[in-house]
C-alpha atoms as a PDB file:
ATOM      1  CA  MET A   1     106.600 155.458  69.298  1.00  0.00           C
ATOM      2  CA  LYS A   2     108.007 158.947  68.997  1.00  0.00           C
ATOM      3  CA  THR A   3     106.976 161.686  71.397  1.00  0.00           C
ATOM      4  CA  LYS A   4     105.727 163.673  68.411  1.00  0.00           C
ATOM      5  CA  TYR A   5     103.056 161.054  67.731  1.00  0.00           C
ATOM      6  CA  PHE A   6     101.890 161.071  71.346  1.00  0.00           C
ATOM      7  CA  CYS A   7     101.530 164.843  71.088  1.00  0.00           C
ATOM      8  CA  LEU A   8      99.555 164.540  67.848  1.00  0.00           C
ATOM      9  CA  ILE A   9      97.273 161.898  69.370  1.00  0.00           C
ATOM     10  CA  GLY A  10      96.695 164.194  72.336  1.00  0.00           C
ATOM     11  CA  LEU A  11      95.864 167.153  70.106  1.00  0.00           C
ATOM     12  CA  VAL A  12      93.404 165.131  68.015  1.00  0.00           C
ATOM     13  CA  PHE A  13      91.643 163.610  71.034  1.00  0.00           C
ATOM     14  CA  PHE A  14      91.513 166.960  72.800  1.00  0.00           C
ATOM     15  CA  LEU A  15      90.017 168.702  69.766  1.00  0.00           C
ATOM     16  CA  ILE A  16      87.438 165.935  69.268  1.00  0.00           C
ATOM     17  CA  SER A  17      86.386 166.313  72.905  1.00  0.00           C
ATOM     18  CA  TYR A  18      85.679 169.984  72.266  1.00  0.00           C
ATOM     19  CA  LEU A  19      83.589 169.036  69.230  1.00  0.00           C
ATOM     20  CA  PHE A  20      81.442 167.002  71.632  1.00  0.00           C
ATOM     21  CA  PHE A  21      81.406 169.739  74.298  1.00  0.00           C
ATOM     22  CA  SER A  22      80.261 172.335  71.753  1.00  0.00           C
ATOM     23  CA  ASN A  23      77.474 170.026  70.539  1.00  0.00           C
ATOM     24  CA  LEU A  24      78.808 170.385  66.980  1.00  0.00           C
ATOM     25  CA  LEU A  25      79.301 166.620  67.089  1.00  0.00           C
ATOM     26  CA  PRO A  26      76.221 164.828  68.425  1.00  0.00           C
ATOM     27  CA  SER A  27      76.527 162.459  71.355  1.00  0.00           C
ATOM     28  CA  LEU A  28      77.078 158.950  70.023  1.00  0.00           C
ATOM     29  CA  SER A  29      75.565 157.193  73.013  1.00  0.00           C
ATOM     30  CA  GLU A  30      73.585 157.989  76.107  1.00  0.00           C
ATOM     31  CA  SER A  31      75.455 155.408  78.175  1.00  0.00           C
ATOM     32  CA  ILE A  32      79.025 156.490  77.344  1.00  0.00           C
ATOM     33  CA  ASP A  33      80.314 160.004  77.922  1.00  0.00           C
ATOM     34  CA  PHE A  34      82.523 160.219  74.845  1.00  0.00           C
ATOM     35  CA  ALA A  35      83.270 163.921  75.318  1.00  0.00           C
ATOM     36  CA  HIS A  36      84.975 163.345  78.642  1.00  0.00           C
ATOM     37  CA  TRP A  37      86.686 160.130  77.540  1.00  0.00           C
ATOM     38  CA  PHE A  38      88.250 161.944  74.586  1.00  0.00           C
ATOM     39  CA  ASN A  39      89.156 164.877  76.845  1.00  0.00           C
ATOM     40  CA  LEU A  40      90.722 162.618  79.459  1.00  0.00           C
ATOM     41  CA  ILE A  41      92.777 160.637  76.951  1.00  0.00           C
ATOM     42  CA  GLY A  42      93.762 163.780  75.044  1.00  0.00           C
ATOM     43  CA  ALA A  43      94.888 165.594  78.180  1.00  0.00           C
ATOM     44  CA  CYS A  44      97.027 162.637  79.253  1.00  0.00           C
ATOM     45  CA  PHE A  45      98.711 162.477  75.848  1.00  0.00           C
ATOM     46  CA  LEU A  46      99.316 166.249  75.955  1.00  0.00           C
ATOM     47  CA  LEU A  47     101.782 165.572  78.782  1.00  0.00           C
ATOM     48  CA  SER A  48     104.161 164.504  76.009  1.00  0.00           C
ATOM     49  CA  PHE A  49     104.721 168.174  75.157  1.00  0.00           C
ATOM     50  CA  ASN A  50     106.736 168.398  78.388  1.00  0.00           C
ATOM     51  CA  ASP A  51     109.334 166.067  76.846  1.00  0.00           C
ATOM     52  CA  LEU A  52     109.318 167.748  73.470  1.00  0.00           C
ATOM     53  CA  PHE A  53     110.056 171.361  74.262  1.00  0.00           C
ATOM     54  CA  PRO A  54     113.541 172.524  75.281  1.00  0.00           C
ATOM     55  CA  LYS A  55     114.542 172.448  78.912  1.00  0.00           C
ATOM     56  CA  ASN A  56     114.998 175.896  80.457  1.00  0.00           C
ATOM     57  CA  ARG A  57     113.590 177.722  83.488  1.00  0.00           C
ATOM     58  CA  ILE A  58     110.363 178.761  81.770  1.00  0.00           C
ATOM     59  CA  ASN A  59     109.766 175.273  80.427  1.00  0.00           C
ATOM     60  CA  ILE A  60     110.362 173.682  83.824  1.00  0.00           C
ATOM     61  CA  VAL A  61     107.590 175.881  85.259  1.00  0.00           C
ATOM     62  CA  ALA A  62     105.447 175.178  82.172  1.00  0.00           C
ATOM     63  CA  SER A  63     105.963 171.428  82.639  1.00  0.00           C
ATOM     64  CA  GLY A  64     104.867 171.640  86.269  1.00  0.00           C
ATOM     65  CA  LEU A  65     101.748 173.617  85.335  1.00  0.00           C
ATOM     66  CA  THR A  66     100.945 171.161  82.547  1.00  0.00           C
ATOM     67  CA  ILE A  67     101.238 168.210  84.938  1.00  0.00           C
ATOM     68  CA  LEU A  68      98.974 169.911  87.497  1.00  0.00           C
ATOM     69  CA  GLY A  69      96.521 170.745  84.710  1.00  0.00           C
ATOM     70  CA  VAL A  70      96.380 167.148  83.539  1.00  0.00           C
ATOM     71  CA  ILE A  71      95.803 165.962  87.103  1.00  0.00           C
ATOM     72  CA  ALA A  72      92.938 168.459  87.392  1.00  0.00           C
ATOM     73  CA  HIS A  73      91.521 167.319  84.029  1.00  0.00           C
ATOM     74  CA  ILE A  74      91.539 163.735  85.288  1.00  0.00           C
ATOM     75  CA  ALA A  75      89.682 164.808  88.440  1.00  0.00           C
ATOM     76  CA  LEU A  76      87.199 166.959  86.506  1.00  0.00           C
ATOM     77  CA  CYS A  77      86.485 164.146  84.064  1.00  0.00           C
ATOM     78  CA  THR A  78      85.964 161.806  87.007  1.00  0.00           C
ATOM     79  CA  ILE A  79      83.454 164.239  88.514  1.00  0.00           C
ATOM     80  CA  ASP A  80      81.701 164.488  85.151  1.00  0.00           C
ATOM     81  CA  PHE A  81      81.655 160.695  84.767  1.00  0.00           C
ATOM     82  CA  ILE A  82      79.967 160.450  88.163  1.00  0.00           C
ATOM     83  CA  MET A  83      77.537 163.174  87.124  1.00  0.00           C
ATOM     84  CA  SER A  84      76.651 161.375  83.882  1.00  0.00           C
ATOM     85  CA  SER A  85      76.185 158.108  85.771  1.00  0.00           C
ATOM     86  CA  TYR A  86      73.095 159.623  87.378  1.00  0.00           C
ATOM     87  CA  GLY A  87      71.377 159.479  83.987  1.00  0.00           C
ATOM     88  CA  ASP A  88      68.016 161.252  84.136  1.00  0.00           C
ATOM     89  CA  ASN A  89      68.107 161.737  87.910  1.00  0.00           C
ATOM     90  CA  GLU A  90      68.287 165.544  87.864  1.00  0.00           C
ATOM     91  CA  THR A  91      67.819 165.773  91.631  1.00  0.00           C
ATOM     92  CA  ALA A  92      70.993 163.759  92.264  1.00  0.00           C
ATOM     93  CA  LYS A  93      72.903 165.858  89.696  1.00  0.00           C
ATOM     94  CA  VAL A  94      71.806 169.090  91.387  1.00  0.00           C
ATOM     95  CA  GLU A  95      72.771 167.730  94.807  1.00  0.00           C
ATOM     96  CA  LEU A  96      76.221 166.706  93.554  1.00  0.00           C
ATOM     97  CA  SER A  97      76.722 170.091  91.872  1.00  0.00           C
ATOM     98  CA  GLN A  98      75.746 171.896  95.067  1.00  0.00           C
ATOM     99  CA  HIS A  99      78.040 169.705  97.132  1.00  0.00           C
ATOM    100  CA  ILE A 100      80.965 170.439  94.811  1.00  0.00           C
ATOM    101  CA  SER A 101      80.118 174.173  94.764  1.00  0.00           C
ATOM    102  CA  ASN A 102      80.107 174.178  98.576  1.00  0.00           C
ATOM    103  CA  SER A 103      83.465 172.379  98.764  1.00  0.00           C
ATOM    104  CA  PRO A 104      86.240 174.862  97.888  1.00  0.00           C
ATOM    105  CA  SER A 105      88.825 172.094  98.253  1.00  0.00           C
ATOM    106  CA  ILE A 106      87.200 170.380  95.250  1.00  0.00           C
ATOM    107  CA  LEU A 107      85.720 173.321  93.335  1.00  0.00           C
ATOM    108  CA  TYR A 108      88.829 175.468  92.870  1.00  0.00           C
ATOM    109  CA  PRO A 109      91.602 172.930  92.257  1.00  0.00           C
ATOM    110  CA  PHE A 110      89.577 170.499  90.144  1.00  0.00           C
ATOM    111  CA  VAL A 111      86.803 172.512  88.479  1.00  0.00           C
ATOM    112  CA  ILE A 112      87.699 176.195  88.188  1.00  0.00           C
ATOM    113  CA  VAL A 113      91.461 176.735  88.390  1.00  0.00           C
ATOM    114  CA  GLY A 114      93.062 173.331  87.939  1.00  0.00           C
ATOM    115  CA  PRO A 115      91.998 172.434  84.379  1.00  0.00           C
ATOM    116  CA  SER A 116      93.071 175.907  83.240  1.00  0.00           C
ATOM    117  CA  LEU A 117      96.616 175.052  84.309  1.00  0.00           C
ATOM    118  CA  LEU A 118      96.900 172.643  81.365  1.00  0.00           C
ATOM    119  CA  PHE A 119      96.202 175.516  78.975  1.00  0.00           C
ATOM    120  CA  LEU A 120      98.475 177.837  80.943  1.00  0.00           C
ATOM    121  CA  GLY A 121     101.334 175.328  80.973  1.00  0.00           C
ATOM    122  CA  LEU A 122     101.136 174.653  77.250  1.00  0.00           C
ATOM    123  CA  ALA A 123     100.800 178.390  76.525  1.00  0.00           C
ATOM    124  CA  LEU A 124     103.912 179.009  78.624  1.00  0.00           C
ATOM    125  CA  HIS A 125     105.754 176.334  76.630  1.00  0.00           C
ATOM    126  CA  ALA A 126     104.666 178.145  73.444  1.00  0.00           C
ATOM    127  CA  PHE A 127     105.774 181.477  74.881  1.00  0.00           C
ATOM    128  CA  THR A 128     109.403 180.339  74.711  1.00  0.00           C
ATOM    129  CA  PHE A 129     109.081 180.543  70.896  1.00  0.00           C
ATOM    130  CA  ILE A 130     107.518 184.032  70.837  1.00  0.00           C
ATOM    131  CA  LYS A 131     110.568 185.626  69.178  1.00  0.00           C
ATOM    132  CA  THR A 132     111.127 182.980  66.507  1.00  0.00           C
ATOM    133  CA  GLU A 133     107.586 181.655  65.916  1.00  0.00           C
ATOM    134  CA  THR A 134     105.452 184.635  66.888  1.00  0.00           C
ATOM    135  CA  VAL A 135     102.224 183.746  65.074  1.00  0.00           C
ATOM    136  CA  LYS A 136     102.250 180.098  66.192  1.00  0.00           C
ATOM    137  CA  SER A 137     103.034 181.067  69.784  1.00  0.00           C
ATOM    138  CA  LEU A 138     100.300 183.696  69.808  1.00  0.00           C
ATOM    139  CA  MET A 139      97.826 181.156  68.427  1.00  0.00           C
ATOM    140  CA  VAL A 140      98.472 178.951  71.458  1.00  0.00           C
ATOM    141  CA  ILE A 141      98.475 181.816  73.958  1.00  0.00           C
ATOM    142  CA  VAL A 142      95.382 183.586  72.602  1.00  0.00           C
ATOM    143  CA  GLY A 143      93.612 180.265  72.012  1.00  0.00           C
ATOM    144  CA  SER A 144      94.180 179.179  75.604  1.00  0.00           C
ATOM    145  CA  VAL A 145      92.798 182.444  76.985  1.00  0.00           C
ATOM    146  CA  ALA A 146      89.878 182.339  74.542  1.00  0.00           C
ATOM    147  CA  VAL A 147      88.898 178.805  75.618  1.00  0.00           C
ATOM    148  CA  GLY A 148      88.527 179.990  79.201  1.00  0.00           C
ATOM    149  CA  PHE A 149      86.752 183.199  78.172  1.00  0.00           C
ATOM    150  CA  SER A 150      84.284 181.366  75.926  1.00  0.00           C
ATOM    151  CA  PHE A 151      83.574 178.770  78.634  1.00  0.00           C
ATOM    152  CA  PHE A 152      83.340 180.926  81.754  1.00  0.00           C
ATOM    153  CA  ILE A 153      82.133 184.267  80.347  1.00  0.00           C
ATOM    154  CA  LEU A 154      80.403 183.677  77.007  1.00  0.00           C
ATOM    155  CA  LYS A 155      79.191 180.161  77.846  1.00  0.00           C
ATOM    156  CA  ASN A 156      79.253 179.502  74.101  1.00  0.00           C
ATOM    157  CA  GLY A 157      80.243 176.035  72.875  1.00  0.00           C
ATOM    158  CA  VAL A 158      80.968 177.063  69.285  1.00  0.00           C
ATOM    159  CA  TRP A 159      83.383 179.807  70.376  1.00  0.00           C
ATOM    160  CA  MET A 160      84.931 177.373  72.832  1.00  0.00           C
ATOM    161  CA  PHE A 161      85.545 174.875  70.015  1.00  0.00           C
ATOM    162  CA  LEU A 162      86.957 177.550  67.697  1.00  0.00           C
ATOM    163  CA  SER A 163      89.247 178.755  70.479  1.00  0.00           C
ATOM    164  CA  CYS A 164      90.399 175.194  71.118  1.00  0.00           C
ATOM    165  CA  PHE A 165      90.964 174.737  67.379  1.00  0.00           C
ATOM    166  CA  VAL A 166      93.284 177.784  67.297  1.00  0.00           C
ATOM    167  CA  PHE A 167      95.051 176.508  70.432  1.00  0.00           C
ATOM    168  CA  VAL A 168      95.513 172.997  68.997  1.00  0.00           C
ATOM    169  CA  LEU A 169      96.550 174.284  65.567  1.00  0.00           C
ATOM    170  CA  GLY A 170      99.187 176.536  67.127  1.00  0.00           C
ATOM    171  CA  LEU A 171     100.592 173.656  69.170  1.00  0.00           C
ATOM    172  CA  GLY A 172     100.542 171.408  66.111  1.00  0.00           C
ATOM    173  CA  LEU A 173     102.458 173.967  64.067  1.00  0.00           C
ATOM    174  CA  LEU A 174     104.987 174.413  66.889  1.00  0.00           C
ATOM    175  CA  LEU A 175     105.280 170.647  67.103  1.00  0.00           C
ATOM    176  CA  TYR A 176     106.083 170.480  63.396  1.00  0.00           C
ATOM    177  CA  LYS A 177     108.566 173.360  63.738  1.00  0.00           C
ATOM    178  CA  ASN A 178     110.241 171.732  66.709  1.00  0.00           C
ATOM    179  CA  GLU A 179     110.542 168.402  64.861  1.00  0.00           C
ATOM    180  CA  ASN A 180     112.178 170.109  61.858  1.00  0.00           C
ATOM    181  CA  GLU A 181     114.741 171.758  64.156  1.00  0.00           C
ATOM    182  CA  LYS A 182     115.632 168.372  65.670  1.00  0.00           C
ATOM    183  CA  LEU A 183     116.125 166.886  62.209  1.00  0.00           C
ATOM    184  CA  LEU A 184     118.402 169.761  61.197  1.00  0.00           C
ATOM    185  CA  LYS A 185     120.571 169.267  64.296  1.00  0.00           C
ATOM    186  CA  GLU A 186     121.046 165.525  63.669  1.00  0.00           C
END
């Protein structure tokens, strides 16, 4: 299967996860945390962008950030899976949240900073096209910043989804552009 298809699968799964997170798409089941499953699978497939974009100094750094971001997404989803396994036991959820909040070695790399590295890495990949594909690159860059802003500052799921949509659309358009360039070179 071509790398392009892995990237597309990642973008679709990632966007669907944000539909769940924003509550625009209702939870399909109480026993399965679909939002985090889609997010986890999507993030892993987004690693394929590291193979797709050209290899230069910026993209090497972007690839490293993307890898660290995916690792953090895996850890964050794991934490959220544990949290959802408590079901209706709000006391246990509060205790786990407090424990994580009091553990900087977990909180910062896996909850606050780490998952943002995925967005940062992919935005840095997009930045390499800023001169030739300005609008598409800016969609990714602005979308990545807006996802964080809408989550941490606004705490608004709809804005978070819309930001993710712009981010994903920009990457998808760059993916299409990049594929056309490869075809022209062959």
